[in-house]
Protein backbone atom coordinates (compact mmCIF):
# COMPACT_ATOMS: atom_id res chain seq x y z
CA UNK A 1 16.67 76.99 59.80
CA UNK A 2 19.11 75.46 62.20
CA UNK A 3 22.79 77.04 61.69
CA UNK A 4 25.70 74.93 63.16
CA UNK A 5 28.37 77.02 65.15
CA UNK A 6 32.09 76.61 64.15
CA UNK A 7 33.21 74.79 66.92
CA UNK A 8 30.49 72.14 65.98
CA UNK A 9 32.21 71.92 62.11
CA UNK A 10 35.44 71.34 63.48
CA UNK A 11 34.33 67.99 65.49
CA UNK A 12 32.15 66.92 62.86
CA UNK A 13 35.05 66.99 60.81
CA UNK A 14 36.92 65.33 63.23
CA UNK A 15 34.54 62.34 63.79
CA UNK A 16 34.20 62.36 59.84
CA UNK A 17 37.83 61.48 59.47
CA UNK A 18 38.23 59.28 62.61
CA UNK A 19 35.26 57.33 60.78
CA UNK A 20 36.91 57.25 57.71
CA UNK A 21 40.06 55.61 59.17
CA UNK A 22 38.40 53.21 61.07
CA UNK A 23 36.60 52.22 57.67
CA UNK A 24 40.14 52.18 56.19
CA UNK A 25 41.51 49.69 59.15
CA UNK A 26 38.62 47.18 59.06
CA UNK A 27 39.16 47.40 55.51
CA UNK A 28 43.11 46.61 55.92
CA UNK A 29 42.35 44.16 58.50
CA UNK A 30 39.89 42.05 56.54
CA UNK A 31 42.18 41.80 53.15
CA UNK A 32 44.75 39.77 55.58
CA UNK A 33 44.67 36.22 55.03
CA UNK A 34 45.39 35.59 59.06
CA UNK A 35 43.17 35.74 62.04
CA UNK A 36 42.98 38.76 63.87
CA UNK A 37 41.09 39.71 66.87
CA UNK A 38 41.16 42.10 69.90
CA UNK A 39 39.83 41.15 73.54
CA UNK A 40 39.19 43.32 76.63
CA UNK A 41 41.38 41.84 79.69
CA UNK A 42 38.10 39.87 81.04
CA UNK A 43 38.09 37.69 77.66
CA UNK A 44 35.06 39.61 75.94
CA UNK A 45 35.54 40.54 71.99
CA UNK A 46 36.03 44.10 70.89
CA UNK A 47 36.79 43.48 67.44
CA UNK A 48 38.39 40.71 64.86
CA UNK A 49 38.57 40.52 61.08
CA UNK A 50 36.31 38.48 58.62
CA UNK A 51 39.03 36.01 58.31
CA UNK A 52 38.49 34.97 61.81
CA UNK A 53 34.90 35.36 61.79
CA UNK A 54 34.40 32.46 59.07
CA UNK A 55 36.01 29.81 60.90
CA UNK A 56 33.45 30.28 63.47
CA UNK A 57 30.75 30.60 61.23
CA UNK A 58 29.71 33.80 62.27
CA UNK A 59 30.40 37.42 61.21
CA UNK A 60 32.11 40.13 63.22
CA UNK A 61 29.50 41.71 64.58
CA UNK A 62 28.19 38.20 65.88
CA UNK A 63 31.50 37.78 67.41
CA UNK A 64 32.09 41.25 69.08
CA UNK A 65 30.89 41.18 72.55
CA UNK A 66 31.17 37.42 73.08
CA UNK A 67 33.93 35.25 74.78
CA UNK A 68 35.96 31.88 74.25
CA UNK A 69 33.47 30.46 76.50
CA UNK A 70 30.31 31.24 73.92
CA UNK A 71 32.57 30.25 70.79
CA UNK A 72 34.36 27.32 72.12
CA UNK A 73 32.81 26.25 75.32
CA UNK A 74 34.50 23.47 77.59
CA UNK A 75 38.23 23.04 78.34
CA UNK A 76 39.54 25.08 75.35
CA UNK A 77 37.88 28.21 76.25
CA UNK A 78 39.35 27.49 79.77
CA UNK A 79 43.11 27.31 78.11
CA UNK A 80 42.16 30.42 76.17
CA UNK A 81 41.19 32.43 78.93
CA UNK A 82 44.19 30.86 81.56
CA UNK A 83 46.52 32.03 78.56
CA UNK A 84 44.71 35.64 78.44
CA UNK A 85 44.89 35.46 82.28
CA UNK A 86 48.97 35.18 82.42
CA UNK A 87 49.42 37.73 79.61
CA UNK A 88 47.04 40.18 81.76
CA UNK A 89 49.47 39.23 85.18
CA UNK A 90 52.96 39.28 83.15
CA UNK A 91 52.93 41.53 80.17
CA UNK A 92 54.74 39.38 78.48
CA UNK A 93 53.24 37.86 74.83
CA UNK A 94 52.34 34.43 74.40
CA UNK A 95 53.36 32.34 71.24
CA UNK A 96 51.50 28.51 70.77
CA UNK A 97 50.51 26.08 68.82
CA UNK A 98 47.64 24.00 69.09
CA UNK A 99 44.82 21.73 67.35
CA UNK A 100 41.29 23.72 67.81
CA UNK A 101 38.16 22.42 67.21
CA UNK A 102 35.48 24.73 65.77
CA UNK A 103 31.89 24.57 66.38
CA UNK A 104 31.10 23.19 63.04
CA UNK A 105 33.64 20.24 64.00
CA UNK A 106 36.39 20.87 61.69
CA UNK A 107 39.99 20.79 63.18
CA UNK A 108 42.54 23.60 62.31
CA UNK A 109 46.34 23.52 63.52
CA UNK A 110 47.14 27.26 64.53
CA UNK A 111 50.16 29.39 65.21
CA UNK A 112 49.08 31.97 67.36
CA UNK A 113 50.46 34.99 69.03
CA UNK A 114 48.91 37.28 71.78
CA UNK A 115 50.70 40.56 72.98
CA UNK A 116 49.37 42.67 75.99
CA UNK A 117 47.82 46.29 74.76
CA UNK A 118 48.33 49.37 77.29
CA UNK A 119 47.17 52.58 77.32
CA UNK A 120 49.41 56.01 77.96
CA UNK A 121 48.80 55.89 81.39
CA UNK A 122 50.60 52.01 81.20
CA UNK A 123 46.99 50.28 82.11
CA UNK A 124 46.43 47.48 80.40
CA UNK A 125 43.38 47.99 78.09
CA UNK A 126 43.49 44.85 75.94
CA UNK A 127 45.11 41.88 74.00
CA UNK A 128 46.10 41.65 70.29
CA UNK A 129 46.36 38.68 69.05
CA UNK A 130 47.11 37.24 65.38
CA UNK A 131 46.56 33.40 64.55
CA UNK A 132 47.87 31.67 61.29
CA UNK A 133 46.03 28.56 60.02
CA UNK A 134 49.32 25.71 59.58
CA UNK A 135 46.94 22.57 59.24
CA UNK A 136 48.59 21.92 55.21
CA UNK A 137 51.79 22.59 56.65
CA UNK A 138 51.46 20.23 59.72
CA UNK A 139 49.61 17.32 57.81
CA UNK A 140 52.46 17.83 55.29
CA UNK A 141 54.98 17.46 58.30
CA UNK A 142 52.96 14.51 60.12
CA UNK A 143 53.28 12.93 56.37
CA UNK A 144 56.78 13.67 56.17
CA UNK A 145 57.65 12.29 59.89
CA UNK A 146 55.83 9.41 58.72
CA UNK A 147 57.41 8.53 55.64
CA UNK A 148 60.20 8.52 57.25
CA UNK A 149 59.84 6.08 59.04
CA UNK A 150 58.09 4.00 56.61
CA UNK A 151 61.42 4.46 54.63
CA UNK A 152 63.36 3.36 57.94
CA UNK A 153 61.87 0.48 58.32
CA UNK A 154 61.30 -0.49 54.53
CA UNK A 155 65.49 0.55 54.61
CA UNK A 156 65.82 -2.16 57.78
CA UNK A 157 63.62 -4.87 56.38
CA UNK A 158 64.99 -4.78 52.93
CA UNK A 159 66.90 -7.68 51.90
CA UNK A 160 69.29 -5.30 49.99
CA UNK A 161 72.64 -3.46 51.77
CA UNK A 162 71.89 -0.50 51.88
CA UNK A 163 74.53 2.26 52.84
CA UNK A 164 74.76 6.03 52.03
CA UNK A 165 78.58 7.16 51.28
CA UNK A 166 79.97 10.50 50.58
CA UNK A 167 81.80 12.03 47.90
CA UNK A 168 85.13 11.10 49.88
CA UNK A 169 84.12 7.38 50.14
CA UNK A 170 83.22 8.06 53.94
CA UNK A 171 80.29 5.30 54.52
CA UNK A 172 77.21 7.52 56.52
CA UNK A 173 74.90 5.68 57.38
CA UNK A 174 74.09 1.72 56.82
CA UNK A 175 71.00 -0.66 57.19
CA UNK A 176 71.36 -4.38 59.31
CA UNK A 177 71.51 -6.17 55.75
CA UNK A 178 74.85 -4.23 55.05
CA UNK A 179 75.82 -5.45 58.32
CA UNK A 180 74.82 -9.21 57.80
CA UNK A 181 76.07 -9.14 53.85
CA UNK A 182 79.86 -8.10 55.43
CA UNK A 183 79.72 -8.94 59.00
CA UNK A 184 80.87 -5.80 60.12
CA UNK A 185 78.26 -3.75 63.32
CA UNK A 186 76.70 -0.65 62.32
CA UNK A 187 79.48 0.81 64.82
CA UNK A 188 82.03 -0.21 62.72
CA UNK A 189 80.94 0.71 59.20
CA UNK A 190 79.84 4.20 59.83
CA UNK A 191 82.79 6.14 59.41
CA UNK A 192 84.83 3.42 57.77
CA UNK A 193 86.15 4.45 53.96
CA UNK A 194 84.32 2.47 51.13
CA UNK A 195 87.49 1.18 50.09
CA UNK A 196 88.29 -0.72 53.09
CA UNK A 197 85.63 -2.95 51.84
CA UNK A 198 86.03 -2.88 48.34
CA UNK A 199 89.37 -1.83 46.82
CA UNK A 200 88.39 -1.83 43.33
CA UNK A 201 86.40 2.00 44.07
CA UNK A 202 89.97 3.06 44.68
CA UNK A 203 90.29 1.67 40.71
CA UNK A 204 90.52 4.44 38.29
CA UNK A 205 87.77 2.50 36.02
CA UNK A 206 85.42 2.30 39.04
CA UNK A 207 86.02 6.06 40.23
CA UNK A 208 84.82 6.53 36.48
CA UNK A 209 81.75 5.11 37.13
CA UNK A 210 81.18 7.11 40.10
CA UNK A 211 81.82 10.22 38.10
CA UNK A 212 78.80 9.10 35.97
CA UNK A 213 77.20 8.71 38.83
CA UNK A 214 77.44 12.10 39.99
CA UNK A 215 76.81 13.65 36.46
CA UNK A 216 74.03 11.68 35.36
CA UNK A 217 72.45 11.03 38.67
CA UNK A 218 72.62 6.66 38.96
CA UNK A 219 74.79 3.86 37.82
CA UNK A 220 74.57 0.08 38.30
CA UNK A 221 77.67 -1.55 38.57
CA UNK A 222 78.77 -5.18 39.44
CA UNK A 223 81.97 -5.80 41.60
CA UNK A 224 83.06 -7.63 44.54
CA UNK A 225 82.91 -6.82 48.29
CA UNK A 226 85.34 -8.19 51.02
CA UNK A 227 83.72 -9.46 54.03
CA UNK A 228 85.35 -8.84 57.67
CA UNK A 229 85.84 -12.61 57.86
CA UNK A 230 88.15 -12.00 54.95
CA UNK A 231 86.24 -13.50 52.29
CA UNK A 232 84.36 -12.10 48.99
CA UNK A 233 80.99 -11.93 47.74
CA UNK A 234 79.97 -10.69 44.52
CA UNK A 235 77.56 -7.42 44.85
CA UNK A 236 75.51 -5.23 42.04
CA UNK A 237 75.08 -1.88 43.60
CA UNK A 238 72.93 0.72 42.31
CA UNK A 239 74.23 4.01 42.94
CA UNK A 240 72.47 7.02 42.96
CA UNK A 241 73.39 10.93 43.20
CA UNK A 242 71.24 12.43 46.12
CA UNK A 243 71.66 16.37 46.13
CA UNK A 244 71.22 17.89 49.59
CA UNK A 245 73.54 20.47 51.62
CA UNK A 246 76.35 18.22 49.97
CA UNK A 247 76.29 15.21 47.10
CA UNK A 248 75.70 11.76 48.87
CA UNK A 249 75.85 8.33 46.88
CA UNK A 250 72.64 6.45 47.81
CA UNK A 251 73.88 2.89 47.63
CA UNK A 252 71.68 -0.54 47.05
CA UNK A 253 74.08 -3.64 47.16
CA UNK A 254 72.61 -7.26 46.27
CA UNK A 255 74.01 -10.25 46.59
CA UNK A 256 74.38 -11.87 43.02
CA UNK A 257 75.75 -15.44 44.01
CA UNK A 258 72.93 -17.43 44.10
CA UNK A 259 71.70 -15.62 41.16
CA UNK A 260 74.59 -15.81 39.06
CA UNK A 261 74.19 -19.83 39.42
CA UNK A 262 70.10 -19.54 38.55
CA UNK A 263 71.30 -17.66 35.52
CA UNK A 264 73.82 -20.51 34.45
CA UNK A 265 70.79 -22.99 34.91
CA UNK A 266 68.27 -21.00 33.11
CA UNK A 267 70.45 -20.44 30.21
CA UNK A 268 70.80 -24.30 30.08
CA UNK A 269 66.89 -24.52 30.52
CA UNK A 270 66.57 -22.08 28.03
CA UNK A 271 67.71 -24.36 25.60
CA UNK A 272 64.71 -27.02 25.64
CA UNK A 273 61.35 -27.22 24.96
CA UNK A 274 59.63 -27.89 28.20
CA UNK A 275 57.17 -30.10 26.84
CA UNK A 276 58.93 -32.90 24.79
CA UNK A 277 62.28 -32.06 26.32
CA UNK A 278 64.14 -31.96 22.96
CA UNK A 279 66.61 -29.11 22.08
CA UNK A 280 64.71 -25.63 21.08
CA UNK A 281 64.90 -23.14 18.03
CA UNK A 282 67.48 -21.32 20.01
CA UNK A 283 69.63 -24.27 20.30
CA UNK A 284 68.63 -25.38 17.12
CA UNK A 285 70.03 -22.37 15.23
CA UNK A 286 73.36 -21.80 17.39
CA UNK A 287 74.19 -25.39 16.48
CA UNK A 288 73.32 -24.72 12.67
CA UNK A 289 76.21 -21.65 13.38
CA UNK A 290 78.53 -24.36 14.63
CA UNK A 291 77.51 -26.98 11.96
CA UNK A 292 77.78 -24.78 8.84
CA UNK A 293 81.23 -25.08 8.32
CA UNK A 294 83.59 -27.42 5.69
CA UNK A 295 84.61 -30.36 7.83
CA UNK A 296 80.72 -31.27 8.27
CA UNK A 297 80.10 -31.18 5.00
CA UNK A 298 77.94 -33.05 3.31
CA UNK A 299 75.21 -31.49 5.92
CA UNK A 300 71.97 -33.29 5.97
CA UNK A 301 68.66 -31.68 7.33
CA UNK A 302 65.15 -32.90 7.80
CA UNK A 303 62.27 -31.40 8.78
CA UNK A 304 59.22 -33.29 10.19
CA UNK A 305 55.96 -31.83 10.82
CA UNK A 306 53.25 -33.62 12.70
CA UNK A 307 50.30 -33.96 10.30
CA UNK A 308 47.08 -32.96 11.25
CA UNK A 309 47.77 -31.82 14.72
CA UNK A 310 44.93 -29.42 14.72
CA UNK A 311 42.48 -32.15 13.96
CA UNK A 312 43.73 -33.96 17.10
CA UNK A 313 43.35 -30.89 19.37
CA UNK A 314 39.35 -30.13 18.15
CA UNK A 315 38.48 -33.91 18.64
CA UNK A 316 40.66 -34.73 22.06
CA UNK A 317 41.68 -31.25 23.40
CA UNK A 318 45.19 -29.93 23.62
CA UNK A 319 46.39 -31.92 26.23
CA UNK A 320 46.06 -34.89 24.19
CA UNK A 321 47.93 -33.05 21.22
CA UNK A 322 50.73 -32.36 23.63
CA UNK A 323 51.00 -35.99 24.35
CA UNK A 324 51.02 -36.63 19.95
CA UNK A 325 53.95 -34.18 20.29
CA UNK A 326 55.98 -35.91 23.07
CA UNK A 327 55.51 -39.42 21.27
CA UNK A 328 56.69 -38.07 18.03
CA UNK A 329 59.66 -36.76 19.81
CA UNK A 330 60.37 -40.18 21.55
CA UNK A 331 59.90 -41.67 18.65
CA UNK A 332 62.09 -39.45 16.41
CA UNK A 333 65.12 -40.18 19.30
CA UNK A 334 65.06 -43.61 18.85
CA UNK A 335 66.07 -42.56 14.73
CA UNK A 336 68.83 -40.54 14.93
CA UNK A 337 72.75 -41.21 15.66
CA UNK A 338 74.95 -39.68 18.59
CA UNK A 339 76.24 -37.13 16.35
CA UNK A 340 72.98 -35.99 15.11
CA UNK A 341 71.03 -33.05 16.75
CA UNK A 342 67.37 -33.29 16.91
CA UNK A 343 64.90 -30.45 18.44
CA UNK A 344 61.95 -28.92 18.43
CA UNK A 345 61.23 -25.79 16.34
CA UNK A 346 58.08 -25.14 17.18
CA UNK A 347 54.38 -25.92 16.99
CA UNK A 348 53.90 -29.10 15.28
CA UNK A 349 57.32 -28.91 13.80
CA UNK A 350 60.89 -31.00 14.32
CA UNK A 351 64.23 -30.38 12.82
CA UNK A 352 67.06 -33.10 12.64
CA UNK A 353 70.70 -31.80 11.93
CA UNK A 354 72.62 -34.31 10.30
CA UNK A 355 76.65 -33.36 9.80
CA UNK A 356 78.67 -35.94 7.20
CA UNK A 357 75.86 -37.20 5.85
CA UNK A 358 75.07 -37.76 2.42
CA UNK A 359 71.96 -37.55 0.98
CA UNK A 360 71.09 -41.62 0.45
CA UNK A 361 71.92 -41.93 3.92
CA UNK A 362 69.12 -38.98 5.25
CA UNK A 363 66.84 -40.59 3.11
CA UNK A 364 67.33 -43.94 5.04
CA UNK A 365 66.97 -42.08 8.42
CA UNK A 366 63.90 -40.38 6.98
CA UNK A 367 62.39 -44.29 6.13
CA UNK A 368 63.09 -45.13 9.29
CA UNK A 369 61.36 -42.43 11.07
CA UNK A 370 58.33 -42.93 8.99
CA UNK A 371 58.42 -46.75 9.67
CA UNK A 372 58.59 -45.59 13.57
CA UNK A 373 55.82 -43.53 13.72
CA UNK A 374 53.46 -45.80 11.73
CA UNK A 375 54.17 -48.41 14.55
CA UNK A 376 53.24 -46.14 17.23
CA UNK A 377 49.77 -46.65 18.42
CA UNK A 378 47.87 -43.96 19.91
CA UNK A 379 44.15 -44.90 19.13
CA UNK A 380 41.73 -43.54 18.72
CA UNK A 381 44.37 -40.83 18.18
CA UNK A 382 46.12 -40.39 14.94
CA UNK A 383 50.12 -40.36 14.64
CA UNK A 384 51.24 -39.21 10.95
CA UNK A 385 54.13 -37.37 9.99
CA UNK A 386 55.49 -35.37 6.54
CA UNK A 387 59.30 -35.43 6.28
CA UNK A 388 61.38 -33.53 3.87
CA UNK A 389 65.17 -34.06 3.43
CA UNK A 390 67.91 -31.18 2.38
CA UNK A 391 71.66 -31.25 1.93
CA UNK A 392 74.32 -29.49 1.81
CA UNK A 393 77.31 -30.64 -0.18
CA UNK A 394 79.44 -27.75 -0.54
CA UNK A 395 80.94 -24.73 1.70
CA UNK A 396 79.17 -22.20 -0.83
CA UNK A 397 75.45 -23.24 -0.55
CA UNK A 398 73.22 -20.91 1.35
CA UNK A 399 72.19 -22.88 4.58
CA UNK A 400 68.43 -21.33 4.31
CA UNK A 401 68.01 -22.24 0.79
CA UNK A 402 69.13 -26.06 2.25
CA UNK A 403 66.37 -25.36 5.07
CA UNK A 404 64.22 -24.50 2.67
CA UNK A 405 64.30 -27.41 0.24
CA UNK A 406 63.81 -29.73 3.46
CA UNK A 407 60.42 -27.56 4.20
CA UNK A 408 59.32 -27.84 0.33
CA UNK A 409 59.68 -31.74 0.42
CA UNK A 410 58.06 -32.03 3.64
CA UNK A 411 54.98 -29.08 2.85
CA UNK A 412 54.70 -31.48 -0.64
CA UNK A 413 54.68 -35.02 1.08
CA UNK A 414 51.73 -33.22 3.42
CA UNK A 415 49.52 -31.78 1.18
CA UNK A 416 50.26 -34.44 -1.48
CA UNK A 417 48.43 -37.24 1.06
CA UNK A 418 46.61 -34.89 3.28
CA UNK A 419 42.89 -35.47 1.22
CA UNK A 420 43.31 -39.37 2.01
CA UNK A 421 45.14 -38.93 5.26
CA UNK A 422 42.05 -36.91 6.87
CA UNK A 423 39.47 -39.13 5.48
CA UNK A 424 41.35 -42.35 7.27
CA UNK A 425 41.09 -40.13 10.44
CA UNK A 426 37.17 -39.38 9.74
CA UNK A 427 37.05 -43.60 9.55
CA UNK A 428 39.03 -44.15 12.46
CA UNK A 429 37.42 -41.62 14.83
CA UNK A 430 34.01 -43.43 13.69
CA UNK A 431 35.04 -46.81 14.29
CA UNK A 432 36.36 -45.68 17.57
CA UNK A 433 32.65 -44.85 18.38
CA UNK A 434 31.00 -47.59 17.30
CA UNK A 435 33.66 -50.00 19.01
CA UNK A 436 32.29 -48.50 22.09
CA UNK A 437 28.83 -48.08 20.99
CA UNK A 438 27.67 -51.32 18.78
CA UNK A 439 24.41 -49.64 17.79
CA UNK A 440 26.07 -46.77 16.32
CA UNK A 441 26.61 -48.07 13.05
CA UNK A 442 23.24 -48.67 12.17
CA UNK A 443 22.22 -45.40 13.62
CA UNK A 444 24.78 -43.84 11.79
CA UNK A 445 23.78 -45.43 8.38
CA UNK A 446 20.25 -45.09 9.00
CA UNK A 447 20.02 -41.19 9.96
CA UNK A 448 22.10 -40.75 6.46
CA UNK A 449 19.17 -42.48 5.21
CA UNK A 450 16.46 -41.11 6.60
CA UNK A 451 18.27 -37.05 6.26
CA UNK A 452 19.08 -37.39 2.54
CA UNK A 453 15.27 -38.88 1.62
CA UNK A 454 13.95 -35.77 3.67
CA UNK A 455 16.02 -33.02 1.98
CA UNK A 456 14.85 -34.37 -1.24
CA UNK A 457 11.41 -34.32 -0.52
CA UNK A 458 11.64 -31.21 1.13
CA UNK A 459 12.47 -29.87 -2.18
CA UNK A 460 16.38 -29.10 -1.49
CA UNK A 461 18.55 -29.25 -4.60
CA UNK A 462 20.35 -32.70 -5.44
CA UNK A 463 23.87 -30.39 -6.87
CA UNK A 464 23.87 -28.33 -3.77
CA UNK A 465 23.86 -31.03 -1.61
CA UNK A 466 27.20 -33.63 -2.40
CA UNK A 467 28.44 -35.00 0.49
CA UNK A 468 25.73 -33.78 2.77
CA UNK A 469 24.54 -38.30 3.09
CA UNK A 470 28.18 -38.71 4.54
CA UNK A 471 27.62 -35.74 6.71
CA UNK A 472 24.61 -36.62 8.02
CA UNK A 473 26.09 -40.05 8.28
CA UNK A 474 29.19 -38.61 10.67
CA UNK A 475 26.70 -35.89 12.32
CA UNK A 476 27.92 -37.71 16.10
CA UNK A 477 31.19 -37.80 15.46
CA UNK A 478 32.35 -35.38 18.31
CA UNK A 479 31.38 -38.40 20.66
CA UNK A 480 34.63 -39.49 19.78
CA UNK A 481 35.50 -36.91 22.26
CA UNK A 482 33.42 -37.71 24.97
CA UNK A 483 34.67 -40.48 27.83
CA UNK A 484 33.55 -44.24 26.78
CA UNK A 485 31.98 -44.90 30.66
CA UNK A 486 29.58 -41.91 29.61
CA UNK A 487 28.88 -43.47 26.11
CA UNK A 488 28.23 -46.74 27.39
CA UNK A 489 25.99 -45.83 30.93
CA UNK A 490 22.96 -47.47 30.81
CA UNK A 491 21.36 -46.16 33.84
CA UNK A 492 20.30 -42.34 34.06
CA UNK A 493 23.50 -40.19 33.67
CA UNK A 494 24.31 -37.40 35.87
CA UNK A 495 24.30 -33.55 35.32
CA UNK A 496 27.97 -33.58 34.70
CA UNK A 497 27.66 -36.61 32.12
CA UNK A 498 25.05 -34.37 30.14
CA UNK A 499 27.48 -31.32 30.22
CA UNK A 500 30.05 -33.13 28.76
CA UNK A 501 27.83 -35.31 26.08
CA UNK A 502 26.28 -31.78 25.08
CA UNK A 503 29.74 -30.97 23.54
CA UNK A 504 29.75 -33.17 20.92
CA UNK A 505 28.15 -31.10 18.60
CA UNK A 506 30.75 -28.29 18.95
CA UNK A 507 33.22 -30.96 18.68
CA UNK A 508 32.02 -32.70 15.36
CA UNK A 509 32.20 -28.89 14.20
CA UNK A 510 35.84 -28.66 14.73
CA UNK A 511 36.14 -31.63 13.22
CA UNK A 512 34.51 -31.19 9.89
CA UNK A 513 35.80 -27.36 9.86
CA UNK A 514 39.32 -28.25 8.76
CA UNK A 515 38.06 -30.90 6.40
CA UNK A 516 38.25 -29.59 2.97
CA UNK A 517 35.26 -31.35 1.51
CA UNK A 518 32.86 -31.41 4.37
CA UNK A 519 33.90 -27.89 5.76
CA UNK A 520 30.78 -26.38 4.02
CA UNK A 521 28.37 -28.84 6.44
CA UNK A 522 29.95 -28.51 9.81
CA UNK A 523 27.09 -25.78 10.92
CA UNK A 524 25.09 -28.70 10.14
CA UNK A 525 26.77 -30.69 12.85
CA UNK A 526 26.97 -27.67 15.23
CA UNK A 527 23.29 -26.92 15.09
CA UNK A 528 21.59 -30.54 14.95
CA UNK A 529 20.84 -30.68 18.59
CA UNK A 530 19.00 -27.15 18.78
CA UNK A 531 15.28 -27.35 18.76
CA UNK A 532 12.80 -25.01 17.35
CA UNK A 533 11.65 -23.21 20.22
CA UNK A 534 15.35 -21.77 21.16
CA UNK A 535 15.82 -24.75 23.91
CA UNK A 536 18.24 -26.69 22.88
CA UNK A 537 22.27 -26.66 22.62
CA UNK A 538 24.79 -25.91 22.16
CA UNK A 539 24.07 -22.15 21.44
CA UNK A 540 20.16 -21.68 21.91
CA UNK A 541 19.16 -20.46 18.29
CA UNK A 542 15.50 -20.89 17.23
CA UNK A 543 13.16 -21.53 14.22
CA UNK A 544 14.88 -20.27 11.16
CA UNK A 545 17.84 -19.24 12.31
CA UNK A 546 18.70 -22.68 12.68
CA UNK A 547 20.27 -24.09 9.38
CA UNK A 548 17.77 -25.94 7.76
CA UNK A 549 20.37 -29.03 7.06
CA UNK A 550 20.43 -29.31 10.90
CA UNK A 551 17.01 -29.32 11.19
CA UNK A 552 16.57 -32.25 9.09
CA UNK A 553 19.17 -34.18 10.34
CA UNK A 554 17.36 -33.38 13.75
CA UNK A 555 14.05 -35.20 12.84
CA UNK A 556 16.12 -38.34 11.40
CA UNK A 557 18.15 -38.51 14.18
CA UNK A 558 15.07 -38.64 16.56
CA UNK A 559 13.01 -40.90 14.73
CA UNK A 560 15.98 -43.53 14.27
CA UNK A 561 16.50 -43.14 18.11
CA UNK A 562 13.13 -43.97 18.62
CA UNK A 563 12.51 -47.13 16.38
CA UNK A 564 16.40 -48.28 16.18
CA UNK A 565 17.30 -51.16 18.63
CA UNK A 566 19.16 -50.22 21.41
CA UNK A 567 20.28 -52.77 24.34
CA UNK A 568 19.13 -50.42 27.08
CA UNK A 569 15.45 -49.13 26.24
CA UNK A 570 12.39 -50.80 24.14
CA UNK A 571 11.85 -49.47 20.82
CA UNK A 572 8.93 -47.99 19.81
CA UNK A 573 6.42 -48.95 17.21
CA UNK A 574 6.61 -46.27 13.75
CA UNK A 575 3.28 -45.53 14.68
CA UNK A 576 4.30 -44.39 18.14
CA UNK A 577 7.34 -42.74 16.79
CA UNK A 578 5.29 -40.44 14.57
CA UNK A 579 2.83 -39.60 17.23
CA UNK A 580 5.94 -37.95 19.55
CA UNK A 581 7.61 -36.37 16.43
CA UNK A 582 3.96 -34.73 16.20
CA UNK A 583 3.72 -33.82 19.64
CA UNK A 584 6.77 -32.36 19.34
CA UNK A 585 6.41 -30.15 16.01
CA UNK A 586 6.50 -26.55 16.78
CA UNK A 587 8.58 -27.27 20.06
CA UNK A 588 11.57 -29.28 19.05
CA UNK A 589 11.14 -29.93 15.30
CA UNK A 590 10.61 -27.91 12.60
CA UNK A 591 6.35 -28.55 12.01
CA UNK A 592 6.94 -28.41 8.19
CA UNK A 593 9.38 -31.13 8.11
CA UNK A 594 7.87 -33.05 10.51
CA UNK A 595 4.98 -33.40 7.58
CA UNK A 596 7.42 -33.88 5.19
CA UNK A 597 8.89 -36.95 6.62
CA UNK A 598 5.70 -38.18 7.93
CA UNK A 599 3.65 -38.15 4.95
CA UNK A 600 6.37 -38.50 2.19
CA UNK A 601 9.52 -39.90 3.59
CA UNK A 602 8.11 -42.70 5.51
CA UNK A 603 5.54 -43.27 2.93
CA UNK A 604 8.48 -43.64 0.30
């Protein structure tokens, strides 16, 4: 058994205490977010905290015993070594900031303080260093500097005058635009009181505005600035309160002379309809307020509506629909007097106000309108209007009731003749197509006959097909929108021509969709160029997805095209056309319908 001497026990206790203190100091250093290191005078690391090692990707144990050349290498280690040597020679501390590139490639901006450490005899025993990571602060600082440069550049390039004014009215700074606006140099403006260029700012009213800016943070006001030459300029100023070490007013001023002129012009233009050049609803409402007075009684109001504008848009496109509205406007202008007010209230509707006009006079103007419109030719489009009249005979009448009366009369006229008018439109469209393609009339009649007979032989209910024969006759009505030069082509048509022609089923669908007695068959027109295998147009549906009436028209249309007289190609015999139908059954045509057409329709 081994025994410790009393002195040995005391020594062991002191070593144990030292070790505990070292552990405590290390723990304390590791908890500090700054980087702490301790070197020998020759640059070899004696100790460091955990944070210092993390930036190198090393542990403390791996760093202790190395030097900066081992950690950094190159120029950076040389700089650090020279700094350590200077500290050793002078005995003074060193403080510097620099970007440091670590072995992993990361760059860190460090603020470092290094101080010499001496023993009891005054001998240098090491260098203690503390580094703080200021990377984020440096980045923010750089962004602020860049932002300040950017804002300075913006303020110098902006067209708005910019100036900073203290609450006593002293101009602190200006940009070039302010100098150009007022005719002063920067040196002249800086230090000048704002009252020198704008004496309104000395008035109690403007001071109140500034008080508002101070209390709320910002204000917008219109004022007049005096220029150096003695002239004046209208200015709109945006004033914002900026609170730094003192309160300042940030002012942006804009010359509003040109804008005010433009606003007057815009206000004038805002009273006109851009399409027809007539007055618009806004102006008409203002005029109605002016005319709704006893001295203008009786006040007659005429409501005009262009009939079937949607039909025109569907058949010929919105551009042609707009032309129809323009022509209506020109016709209406020919029918009114100088004192009358004519305008477009929106869409396809117009209104006319006739001051001091009895109902019989208004009715005469209505008839003049109808005659003028009827005499206006826009073939193949159709121009027709419905007109209603309302009259305010005494001041107690509600003007809105008079407007309603005129509208009701106009709508009554529209509804009363709508079916006849639309049927006439259909016939005019078909006649226009026949005029371009003369053989189209026989084609329409024969397709209608073939389609009806095929529907009957296929077993469809006759009572459910009222109007189908007529719809089959107009299966190509959508060709009204195809340019005549394409319809009349004899040679091979181009790809562009084909694409234009392929639009006619959709156009025909839109035309018939709005027709009360034909709308249920509009889908039959839309799909009549679809193919059984799905390779048709305009949608590309196939098989039973194609409506049966469309499949019927497709068979009848193709057979008639093959056997009918055409000036540009030789027709097929019936036997040849039948062979062509059989060859395309199951690809282009419904095979069942082809069989019924050949075996039963053609043998009737």
